[in-house]
Structure formats: C-alpha cells, structure tokens
N, C-alpha and C. Protein backbone atom coordinates (compact mmCIF):
# COMPACT_ATOMS: atom_id res chain seq x y z
N MET A 1 0.79 -1.05 0.08
CA MET A 1 0.11 -0.26 0.10
C MET A 1 0.84 1.35 0.35
N LYS A 2 0.57 2.10 -1.25
CA LYS A 2 1.76 3.70 -1.41
C LYS A 2 0.58 4.33 -0.68
N PRO A 3 0.86 5.19 0.60
CA PRO A 3 -0.42 6.37 0.68
C PRO A 3 0.10 7.24 -0.23
N MET A 4 -0.99 8.42 -0.36
CA MET A 4 -0.92 9.51 -1.85
C MET A 4 -1.01 10.56 -0.71
N GLN A 5 0.22 11.71 -0.89
CA GLN A 5 -0.10 12.72 -0.12
C GLN A 5 -1.20 13.71 -0.62
N VAL A 6 -1.14 14.01 -2.09
CA VAL A 6 -2.00 15.05 -2.50
C VAL A 6 -3.23 14.52 -3.70
N LEU A 7 -4.42 14.96 -3.76
CA LEU A 7 -5.31 14.50 -4.20
C LEU A 7 -5.08 15.65 -5.03
N SER A 8 -5.72 16.13 -6.26
CA SER A 8 -5.96 16.91 -7.48
C SER A 8 -7.00 18.14 -6.54
N LYS A 9 -6.71 19.61 -6.79
CA LYS A 9 -7.17 20.78 -6.11
C LYS A 9 -6.46 20.51 -4.56
N GLY A 10 -5.36 20.34 -4.04
CA GLY A 10 -4.69 20.12 -2.48
C GLY A 10 -5.71 19.28 -1.67
N VAL A 11 -6.83 18.15 -2.08
CA VAL A 11 -7.48 17.25 -1.72
C VAL A 11 -6.40 16.40 -0.91
N LYS A 12 -6.44 15.97 0.35
CA LYS A 12 -5.57 15.09 0.78
C LYS A 12 -6.09 14.26 1.98
N ALA A 13 -5.31 13.39 2.71
CA ALA A 13 -5.82 12.67 3.58
C ALA A 13 -5.78 14.01 4.67
N GLY A 14 -6.88 13.79 5.54
CA GLY A 14 -6.90 14.95 6.52
C GLY A 14 -7.99 16.35 6.09
N THR A 15 -8.12 16.07 4.98
CA THR A 15 -9.08 17.36 4.34
C THR A 15 -10.67 17.01 4.58
N MET A 16 -10.95 18.44 5.21
CA MET A 16 -12.89 18.15 5.56
C MET A 16 -13.34 18.93 4.40
N MET A 17 -14.50 17.94 3.95
CA MET A 17 -14.94 18.58 2.98
C MET A 17 -16.55 19.05 3.21
N VAL A 18 -17.19 20.03 2.37
CA VAL A 18 -18.40 20.36 2.96
C VAL A 18 -19.45 20.44 2.11
N ARG A 19 -20.70 20.13 2.20
CA ARG A 19 -21.56 19.89 1.05
C ARG A 19 -21.94 21.90 0.56
N GLU A 20 -22.09 21.91 -0.28
CA GLU A 20 -22.78 23.50 -1.03
C GLU A 20 -23.59 23.61 -0.52
N GLY A 21 -24.07 25.14 0.19
CA GLY A 21 -25.27 25.18 0.74
C GLY A 21 -25.44 24.78 1.91
N SER A 22 -24.29 24.14 2.62
CA SER A 22 -24.76 24.15 4.47
C SER A 22 -24.75 25.30 4.62
N LEU A 23 -24.52 25.21 6.51
CA LEU A 23 -24.37 26.59 7.36
C LEU A 23 -22.99 26.80 7.31
N LEU A 24 -21.97 25.93 6.20
CA LEU A 24 -20.76 26.69 6.76
C LEU A 24 -20.47 28.55 6.27
N ALA A 25 -21.62 28.78 5.26
CA ALA A 25 -21.77 30.03 4.78
C ALA A 25 -21.84 31.22 5.88
N GLU A 26 -22.00 30.83 7.16
CA GLU A 26 -22.30 31.71 8.18
C GLU A 26 -20.98 32.16 8.88
N LEU A 27 -20.05 31.28 8.28
CA LEU A 27 -18.54 31.56 9.06
C LEU A 27 -17.57 32.14 7.30
N PRO A 28 -17.92 33.54 7.65
CA PRO A 28 -16.96 34.02 6.47
C PRO A 28 -15.27 34.18 6.64
N ASP A 29 -14.69 33.57 7.76
CA ASP A 29 -13.44 33.38 7.55
C ASP A 29 -12.96 32.18 7.52
N VAL A 30 -13.38 31.13 7.35
CA VAL A 30 -13.36 29.92 6.63
C VAL A 30 -12.81 29.72 4.90
N GLU A 31 -11.93 29.88 4.39
CA GLU A 31 -11.69 29.35 3.23
C GLU A 31 -11.74 28.06 3.02
N THR A 32 -12.74 27.86 1.78
CA THR A 32 -13.07 26.92 0.65
C THR A 32 -12.99 26.88 -0.42
N SER A 33 -12.25 25.82 -0.94
CA SER A 33 -12.39 26.22 -2.78
C SER A 33 -13.64 24.66 -3.21
N ALA A 34 -13.76 24.94 -4.66
CA ALA A 34 -14.17 23.88 -5.07
C ALA A 34 -13.53 22.49 -5.40
N CYS A 35 -14.28 21.11 -4.85
CA CYS A 35 -13.25 20.36 -5.27
C CYS A 35 -14.04 19.37 -6.25
N LEU A 36 -15.64 18.99 -5.80
CA LEU A 36 -16.58 18.03 -6.31
C LEU A 36 -17.99 19.26 -6.84
N ARG A 37 -18.07 18.64 -8.20
CA ARG A 37 -19.77 19.43 -7.95
C ARG A 37 -20.70 19.22 -6.76
N GLY A 38 -20.82 20.27 -6.09
CA GLY A 38 -21.74 20.28 -4.82
C GLY A 38 -21.27 20.10 -3.57
N TRP A 39 -19.84 20.01 -3.39
CA TRP A 39 -18.68 20.04 -2.75
C TRP A 39 -17.80 20.83 -2.36
N ARG A 40 -17.55 21.27 -1.48
CA ARG A 40 -15.95 22.58 -1.56
C ARG A 40 -15.25 21.78 -0.51
N SER A 41 -13.92 22.19 -0.35
CA SER A 41 -12.55 21.56 0.33
C SER A 41 -12.64 22.92 1.77
N VAL A 42 -12.63 22.62 2.49
CA VAL A 42 -11.97 23.23 3.84
C VAL A 42 -10.70 23.52 3.60
N THR A 43 -9.94 24.52 3.32
CA THR A 43 -8.43 24.59 3.54
C THR A 43 -8.26 25.25 4.88
N ALA A 44 -7.23 24.81 4.96
CA ALA A 44 -5.92 25.46 6.34
C ALA A 44 -6.57 24.71 7.69
N LEU A 45 -7.82 24.06 7.79
CA LEU A 45 -8.57 23.68 9.18
C LEU A 45 -8.90 22.26 9.17
N ASP A 46 -8.51 21.57 10.29
CA ASP A 46 -8.65 20.32 10.39
C ASP A 46 -10.04 20.27 10.90
N SER A 47 -10.48 18.98 11.35
CA SER A 47 -11.97 18.61 12.08
C SER A 47 -12.26 19.39 13.54
N PHE A 48 -10.90 19.43 14.52
CA PHE A 48 -11.03 20.01 15.53
C PHE A 48 -10.96 22.05 15.59
N SER A 49 -10.47 22.32 14.56
CA SER A 49 -10.56 23.64 14.30
C SER A 49 -11.91 23.99 13.65
N LEU A 50 -12.03 23.12 12.75
CA LEU A 50 -13.38 23.58 11.76
C LEU A 50 -14.66 23.68 12.80
N GLY A 51 -14.71 22.35 13.77
CA GLY A 51 -15.26 22.48 14.99
C GLY A 51 -15.51 23.50 15.79
N ARG A 52 -14.16 24.13 16.12
CA ARG A 52 -14.58 25.13 17.18
C ARG A 52 -14.71 26.75 16.56
N LYS A 53 -14.36 26.95 15.33
CA LYS A 53 -15.06 28.10 14.60
C LYS A 53 -16.91 27.86 14.64
N LEU A 54 -16.93 26.66 14.48
CA LEU A 54 -18.76 26.77 14.04
C LEU A 54 -19.51 26.65 15.52
N ASP A 55 -18.65 26.31 16.68
CA ASP A 55 -18.98 26.31 18.12
C ASP A 55 -19.18 27.69 18.28
N ALA A 56 -18.48 28.67 17.91
CA ALA A 56 -18.33 30.14 18.20
C ALA A 56 -19.44 31.01 17.76
N VAL A 57 -19.95 30.67 16.55
CA VAL A 57 -21.27 31.46 16.13
C VAL A 57 -22.51 30.38 16.25
N GLY A 58 -22.54 29.39 17.11
CA GLY A 58 -23.84 28.51 17.36
C GLY A 58 -23.85 27.38 17.00
N LEU A 59 -22.94 27.01 15.95
CA LEU A 59 -23.48 25.77 15.06
C LEU A 59 -22.22 24.61 15.94
N HIS A 60 -23.04 23.31 14.86
CA HIS A 60 -22.18 21.78 15.74
C HIS A 60 -21.79 21.13 14.74
N LEU A 61 -20.35 20.37 15.29
CA LEU A 61 -20.07 19.49 14.46
C LEU A 61 -20.08 18.42 14.59
N PHE A 62 -21.25 17.43 14.07
CA PHE A 62 -21.16 16.65 14.51
C PHE A 62 -20.66 14.85 14.13
N PHE A 63 -19.53 14.28 14.77
CA PHE A 63 -19.15 13.30 14.61
C PHE A 63 -20.11 12.05 14.48
N LEU A 64 -19.83 11.19 13.43
CA LEU A 64 -20.59 9.74 13.10
C LEU A 64 -19.56 9.06 13.49
N ALA A 65 -19.84 7.64 14.54
CA ALA A 65 -19.14 6.71 14.73
C ALA A 65 -19.14 5.82 13.06
N GLY A 66 -17.78 4.96 12.88
CA GLY A 66 -17.83 4.55 11.81
C GLY A 66 -16.91 5.03 10.52
N GLN A 67 -16.92 4.50 9.66
CA GLN A 67 -16.57 5.20 8.27
C GLN A 67 -16.69 4.58 7.49
N VAL A 68 -16.32 5.58 5.86
CA VAL A 68 -17.32 4.79 4.71
C VAL A 68 -15.85 4.92 3.62
N THR A 69 -15.79 3.91 2.66
CA THR A 69 -15.09 3.02 2.02
C THR A 69 -15.24 3.27 0.81
N THR A 70 -14.25 3.37 -0.36
CA THR A 70 -14.78 3.10 -1.27
C THR A 70 -13.41 2.62 -2.44
N VAL A 71 -13.62 2.46 -3.47
CA VAL A 71 -12.16 2.01 -4.57
C VAL A 71 -12.67 2.57 -5.88
N ALA A 72 -11.65 2.77 -6.36
CA ALA A 72 -11.72 3.30 -8.04
C ALA A 72 -10.79 2.61 -8.76
N PHE A 73 -11.07 1.84 -9.84
CA PHE A 73 -9.67 0.92 -10.09
C PHE A 73 -9.10 2.00 -11.44
N GLY A 74 -7.75 1.91 -11.65
CA GLY A 74 -7.14 2.69 -12.33
C GLY A 74 -6.00 2.99 -12.00
N LEU A 75 -5.17 3.62 -12.61
CA LEU A 75 -3.39 3.76 -12.17
C LEU A 75 -2.78 4.81 -11.32
N GLY A 76 -4.46 5.57 -10.70
CA GLY A 76 -3.83 6.23 -9.42
C GLY A 76 -3.60 7.91 -10.17
N GLY A 77 -4.15 8.21 -11.30
CA GLY A 77 -4.24 9.29 -11.93
C GLY A 77 -5.32 10.16 -11.30
N GLU A 78 -5.48 11.01 -12.00
CA GLU A 78 -6.73 12.15 -11.90
C GLU A 78 -8.15 11.77 -11.48
N LYS A 79 -8.26 10.93 -12.91
CA LYS A 79 -9.46 10.55 -13.35
C LYS A 79 -9.97 9.24 -11.98
N SER A 80 -8.80 8.52 -11.65
CA SER A 80 -9.59 7.40 -11.07
C SER A 80 -9.38 8.47 -9.50
N LEU A 81 -8.50 9.17 -8.75
CA LEU A 81 -8.60 9.84 -8.01
C LEU A 81 -9.88 10.45 -8.03
N HIS A 82 -10.35 11.61 -8.55
CA HIS A 82 -11.83 12.38 -8.92
C HIS A 82 -12.86 11.18 -8.80
N LYS A 83 -12.68 9.75 -9.47
CA LYS A 83 -13.99 8.90 -9.28
C LYS A 83 -14.02 8.28 -7.86
N ALA A 84 -13.13 8.37 -7.49
CA ALA A 84 -12.96 8.06 -5.83
C ALA A 84 -13.86 8.48 -5.07
N VAL A 85 -12.99 10.05 -5.17
CA VAL A 85 -13.74 10.92 -4.34
C VAL A 85 -14.90 11.36 -4.22
N GLN A 86 -15.78 11.13 -5.84
CA GLN A 86 -16.88 11.78 -5.86
C GLN A 86 -18.09 10.80 -5.28
N ARG A 87 -17.29 9.01 -5.25
CA ARG A 87 -18.36 8.00 -5.13
C ARG A 87 -18.13 7.92 -3.30
N ILE A 88 -17.63 8.54 -2.40
CA ILE A 88 -17.23 8.70 -1.22
C ILE A 88 -18.64 9.72 -1.02
N ALA A 89 -18.11 11.01 -1.51
CA ALA A 89 -19.41 12.23 -1.32
C ALA A 89 -20.29 11.73 -1.80
N ALA A 90 -21.08 10.69 -2.65
CA ALA A 90 -22.53 10.12 -2.98
C ALA A 90 -22.98 9.32 -2.05
N LYS A 91 -21.89 8.55 -1.35
CA LYS A 91 -22.42 7.99 0.12
C LYS A 91 -22.63 8.92 1.08
N VAL A 92 -21.84 9.69 1.42
CA VAL A 92 -22.43 10.47 2.22
C VAL A 92 -23.40 11.46 1.91
N SER A 93 -23.66 11.90 1.11
CA SER A 93 -24.90 12.59 0.83
C SER A 93 -26.41 11.69 0.53
N ALA A 94 -25.89 10.32 0.46
CA ALA A 94 -27.42 9.31 0.70
C ALA A 94 -27.52 9.32 1.63
N LEU A 95 -26.80 9.78 3.08
CA LEU A 95 -27.07 9.54 4.27
C LEU A 95 -27.91 10.98 4.59
N ASP A 96 -27.75 12.28 3.83
CA ASP A 96 -28.36 13.29 4.21
C ASP A 96 -26.96 14.14 5.08
N LEU A 97 -25.92 13.95 5.02
CA LEU A 97 -24.95 14.60 5.79
C LEU A 97 -23.96 15.33 5.10
N ASN A 98 -23.20 16.54 5.65
CA ASN A 98 -23.20 17.53 4.72
C ASN A 98 -21.87 17.94 5.18
N CYS A 99 -21.17 16.82 5.72
CA CYS A 99 -19.40 17.11 5.72
C CYS A 99 -18.77 15.94 5.90
N LEU A 100 -17.60 15.65 5.46
CA LEU A 100 -16.97 14.14 5.81
C LEU A 100 -15.43 14.96 6.08
N GLU A 101 -14.89 13.70 6.32
CA GLU A 101 -12.93 14.31 6.59
C GLU A 101 -12.31 13.06 5.92
N LEU A 102 -11.84 13.19 4.59
CA LEU A 102 -10.77 12.19 4.20
C LEU A 102 -9.90 11.84 4.90
N THR A 103 -9.37 10.00 5.31
CA THR A 103 -8.89 9.67 6.08
C THR A 103 -7.83 8.93 5.63
N GLU A 104 -8.16 8.49 4.55
CA GLU A 104 -6.75 7.57 3.85
C GLU A 104 -7.36 7.99 2.38
N ILE A 105 -6.09 7.99 1.68
CA ILE A 105 -6.45 7.75 -0.01
C ILE A 105 -4.71 7.08 -0.31
N ALA A 106 -5.09 5.83 -0.38
CA ALA A 106 -3.99 5.43 -1.03
C ALA A 106 -3.98 4.26 -2.21
N ARG A 107 -2.89 3.89 -3.05
CA ARG A 107 -2.99 3.60 -3.85
C ARG A 107 -2.60 1.43 -3.78
N LYS A 108 -3.59 0.83 -4.42
CA LYS A 108 -3.41 -0.66 -3.87
C LYS A 108 -3.40 -1.48 -4.96
N HIS A 109 -2.96 -2.90 -5.08
CA HIS A 109 -2.95 -3.89 -6.14
C HIS A 109 -3.89 -4.88 -5.69
N PHE A 110 -4.60 -5.48 -6.70
CA PHE A 110 -5.45 -6.81 -5.80
C PHE A 110 -5.26 -7.62 -7.39
N ILE A 111 -4.55 -8.65 -7.11
CA ILE A 111 -4.14 -9.85 -8.27
C ILE A 111 -3.77 -8.71 -9.63
N GLY A 112 -3.06 -7.77 -9.22
CA GLY A 112 -1.97 -7.23 -10.18
C GLY A 112 -2.57 -5.78 -10.87
N LEU A 113 -3.86 -5.71 -10.32
CA LEU A 113 -4.78 -4.71 -11.06
C LEU A 113 -4.67 -3.58 -9.93
N PRO A 114 -4.40 -2.50 -10.53
CA PRO A 114 -4.09 -0.86 -9.69
C PRO A 114 -5.66 -0.45 -9.21
N TYR A 115 -5.48 0.31 -7.95
CA TYR A 115 -6.46 0.55 -7.65
C TYR A 115 -6.42 1.89 -6.69
N ILE A 116 -7.55 2.50 -6.20
CA ILE A 116 -7.36 3.62 -5.50
C ILE A 116 -8.04 3.36 -3.86
N ALA A 117 -7.99 3.49 -3.32
CA ALA A 117 -8.55 2.89 -1.82
C ALA A 117 -9.23 4.30 -1.16
N ILE A 118 -10.23 4.89 -0.85
CA ILE A 118 -10.15 6.26 0.05
C ILE A 118 -11.14 5.92 1.50
N SER A 119 -11.04 6.58 2.28
CA SER A 119 -11.89 6.43 3.26
C SER A 119 -12.18 7.77 4.11
N ALA A 120 -13.13 7.82 4.38
CA ALA A 120 -13.45 9.26 5.29
C ALA A 120 -14.29 8.74 6.70
N HIS A 121 -14.36 9.62 7.58
CA HIS A 121 -15.45 9.72 8.54
C HIS A 121 -16.74 10.72 8.39
N LEU A 122 -17.27 10.34 8.61
CA LEU A 122 -18.65 11.30 8.32
C LEU A 122 -19.00 12.20 9.38
N TYR A 123 -19.50 13.42 9.02
CA TYR A 123 -19.94 14.49 9.79
C TYR A 123 -20.61 15.16 9.82
N HIS A 124 -21.40 15.83 10.45
CA HIS A 124 -22.89 16.96 10.04
C HIS A 124 -22.92 17.87 11.00
N ILE A 125 -22.84 19.03 10.22
CA ILE A 125 -23.16 20.36 10.67
C ILE A 125 -24.55 20.90 10.67
N GLN A 126 -25.21 21.58 11.68
CA GLN A 126 -26.30 22.03 11.93
C GLN A 126 -26.12 22.72 13.64
N GLN A 127 -27.43 23.43 13.70
CA GLN A 127 -27.69 24.30 14.87
C GLN A 127 -28.27 23.04 15.72
N GLY A 128 -27.85 23.36 17.11
CA GLY A 128 -28.78 22.60 17.86
C GLY A 128 -27.42 21.57 18.75
N TYR A 129 -28.23 21.05 19.57
CA TYR A 129 -27.15 20.12 20.27
C TYR A 129 -27.36 18.56 20.25
N VAL A 130 -28.22 18.35 19.53
CA VAL A 130 -28.98 16.85 18.85
C VAL A 130 -29.18 16.36 18.16
N LEU A 131 -28.59 15.68 17.39
CA LEU A 131 -28.39 15.46 15.98
C LEU A 131 -29.66 14.78 15.51
N GLN A 132 -30.20 15.65 14.44
CA GLN A 132 -31.33 15.27 13.90
C GLN A 132 -31.09 13.98 13.18
N ASN A 133 -32.03 13.43 13.15
CA ASN A 133 -32.36 12.41 12.53
C ASN A 133 -32.86 12.34 10.79
N LEU A 134 -32.57 10.97 10.30
CA LEU A 134 -32.48 10.95 8.79
C LEU A 134 -33.56 12.13 8.11
N GLU A 135 -34.93 11.64 8.86
CA GLU A 135 -36.02 12.69 7.95
C GLU A 135 -36.22 14.21 8.29
N GLU A 136 -35.42 14.18 9.46
CA GLU A 136 -35.13 16.10 9.92
C GLU A 136 -34.15 16.44 9.09
N ARG A 137 -33.37 15.57 8.61
CA ARG A 137 -32.16 16.35 7.56
C ARG A 137 -32.87 16.32 6.10
N ARG A 138 -33.29 15.05 5.77
CA ARG A 138 -34.03 15.27 4.23
C ARG A 138 -34.90 16.36 4.28
N ALA A 139 -35.65 16.73 5.14
CA ALA A 139 -36.43 17.89 5.31
C ALA A 139 -36.01 19.35 5.12
N HIS A 140 -35.24 19.36 6.01
CA HIS A 140 -33.69 20.69 5.91
C HIS A 140 -32.97 20.86 4.69
N ALA A 141 -32.77 19.75 4.39
CA ALA A 141 -31.74 19.82 3.38
C ALA A 141 -32.84 20.24 1.77
N ALA A 142 -34.60 19.96 1.52
CA ALA A 142 -35.32 20.04 0.72
C ALA A 142 -35.72 21.72 1.08
N GLN A 143 -35.09 22.44 1.62
CA GLN A 143 -35.76 23.93 2.03
C GLN A 143 -34.62 24.52 0.97
C-alpha cells in the first residue's frame, strides 16, 4: 500500500469537505475551494479547528462513528482519484449528511490490478445540540 499525499486541487488525507449550501456560509473567515460538483474542501482547517469555529457561531459539528470506504480502479491518476472521491461524497449525500473528512487515500493492487482506496469519517453541521434524524435532515436539505 502506497499512501498518497495530495489529491487534485489540494485534497489530501485529513481534508474536510463540506456540501455546498450547508451552514458553513455563516463562517466568513473559513476559506473553501471547489473540489467536486456540490462539494467544497475546507482549506487550512482540520476537524477540531473547524468544530471550534462552528461552536463560536452557535453551530455544531457532529462526528458519526464508523467510516465509509470506496475504491476506484485505475493507475492512480486524476481520473481515478476524482472518481473515488465522487463515490465517497455520494455515499455521504445518500445519508443526508453535509460534511466528511478524508482519512486515507492509498494506491493498492489486487491480483495485479491497480486501484485507489479512499476512507472517510462522517460529520454533520447543524444548529442544536441533538443530531437530527434522517427525516429531519432530509426535510432541512429540501428547504
């Protein structure tokens, strides 16, 4: 396994990604950059720092136990990396969560076939101290 340091557009293991249209817009001092359609990467902040900034304005960053993983076959170029990150973002979107942290990006081989494996932790940004259930998150996302 060969860990990859940086994905295209500065996305690397440890990068926080936030769905566009989330409450992150209430933080004017947080820099983000476009990385996927519908998703932005948070630059220069890890999950702890982002959580502190959110707490300062009355928002909360919820960590959900477990992680999601996906793979994309290819030689590890831009295209396969982009495809793998899209798959992770799609899994998070399906749960109506609005934030994730990439935890591992690695090149691997299986029976001589190269692929990229990506893992991510799930997060959700919202107001209130109790995590919304799936129906509440879906209703909020539809607004």
